[in-house]
Amino acid sequence: MDWRLFLLEFWDDHKAAEEQTAAEIARKRACCAIAERVGAMAAATRSSS
């Protein structure tokens, strides 16, 4: 499942106009534990348990 279906567009680092802005968005998503793909996050959580 793609997180882009649930979050606002400004959380999407792929749509940022500047590289620095994209890096900041990616950092914020990582801090909030929002993976690139939601399914990848769930799999990582299950395997670390």
C-alpha atoms as a PDB file:
ATOM      1  CA  MET A   1       0.000   0.000   0.000  1.00  0.00           C
ATOM      2  CA  ASP A   2       1.284   3.449  -0.836  1.00  0.00           C
ATOM      3  CA  TRP A   3       1.328   6.015   2.012  1.00  0.00           C
ATOM      4  CA  ARG A   4       0.717   8.761  -0.553  1.00  0.00           C
ATOM      5  CA  LEU A   5      -2.943   7.690  -0.565  1.00  0.00           C
ATOM      6  CA  PHE A   6      -3.329   8.850   3.051  1.00  0.00           C
ATOM      7  CA  LEU A   7      -1.010  11.832   3.571  1.00  0.00           C
ATOM      8  CA  LEU A   8      -0.946  15.318   2.144  1.00  0.00           C
ATOM      9  CA  GLU A   9       1.150  15.998  -0.932  1.00  0.00           C
ATOM     10  CA  PHE A  10       3.690  18.126   0.968  1.00  0.00           C
ATOM     11  CA  TRP A  11       4.907  14.931   2.703  1.00  0.00           C
ATOM     12  CA  ASP A  12       6.021  13.601  -0.703  1.00  0.00           C
ATOM     13  CA  ASP A  13       9.742  14.195  -1.176  1.00  0.00           C
ATOM     14  CA  HIS A  14       9.430  13.207  -4.858  1.00  0.00           C
ATOM     15  CA  LYS A  15       7.357  16.337  -5.534  1.00  0.00           C
ATOM     16  CA  ALA A  16       9.697  18.781  -3.789  1.00  0.00           C
ATOM     17  CA  ALA A  17      11.175  21.453  -6.048  1.00  0.00           C
ATOM     18  CA  GLU A  18      14.567  21.567  -4.314  1.00  0.00           C
ATOM     19  CA  GLU A  19      16.896  18.788  -3.197  1.00  0.00           C
ATOM     20  CA  GLN A  20      17.278  20.295   0.284  1.00  0.00           C
ATOM     21  CA  THR A  21      13.492  20.403   0.728  1.00  0.00           C
ATOM     22  CA  ALA A  22      13.213  16.776  -0.405  1.00  0.00           C
ATOM     23  CA  ALA A  23      15.848  15.745   2.136  1.00  0.00           C
ATOM     24  CA  GLU A  24      13.989  17.563   4.925  1.00  0.00           C
ATOM     25  CA  ILE A  25      10.704  15.876   3.970  1.00  0.00           C
ATOM     26  CA  ALA A  26      12.381  12.453   3.916  1.00  0.00           C
ATOM     27  CA  ARG A  27      13.912  13.155   7.344  1.00  0.00           C
ATOM     28  CA  LYS A  28      10.508  14.106   8.778  1.00  0.00           C
ATOM     29  CA  ARG A  29       8.902  10.959   7.346  1.00  0.00           C
ATOM     30  CA  ALA A  30      11.676   8.817   8.814  1.00  0.00           C
ATOM     31  CA  CYS A  31      11.253  10.506  12.200  1.00  0.00           C
ATOM     32  CA  CYS A  32       7.533   9.654  12.077  1.00  0.00           C
ATOM     33  CA  ALA A  33       8.349   6.083  10.963  1.00  0.00           C
ATOM     34  CA  ILE A  34       6.582   6.511   7.609  1.00  0.00           C
ATOM     35  CA  ALA A  35       8.294   4.118   5.215  1.00  0.00           C
ATOM     36  CA  GLU A  36       8.425   4.532   1.442  1.00  0.00           C
ATOM     37  CA  ARG A  37       5.922   1.669   1.209  1.00  0.00           C
ATOM     38  CA  VAL A  38       3.543   0.951   4.097  1.00  0.00           C
ATOM     39  CA  GLY A  39       3.771  -2.809   3.495  1.00  0.00           C
ATOM     40  CA  ALA A  40       7.556  -2.635   3.883  1.00  0.00           C
ATOM     41  CA  MET A  41       7.098  -1.026   7.294  1.00  0.00           C
ATOM     42  CA  ALA A  42       4.714  -3.759   8.454  1.00  0.00           C
ATOM     43  CA  ALA A  43       7.089  -6.501   7.303  1.00  0.00           C
ATOM     44  CA  ALA A  44      10.019  -4.882   9.124  1.00  0.00           C
ATOM     45  CA  THR A  45       7.977  -4.583  12.316  1.00  0.00           C
ATOM     46  CA  ARG A  46       6.940  -8.249  12.207  1.00  0.00           C
ATOM     47  CA  SER A  47      10.477  -9.496  11.562  1.00  0.00           C
ATOM     48  CA  SER A  48      11.989  -7.481  14.437  1.00  0.00           C
ATOM     49  CA  SER A  49       9.467  -8.841  16.987  1.00  0.00           C
END
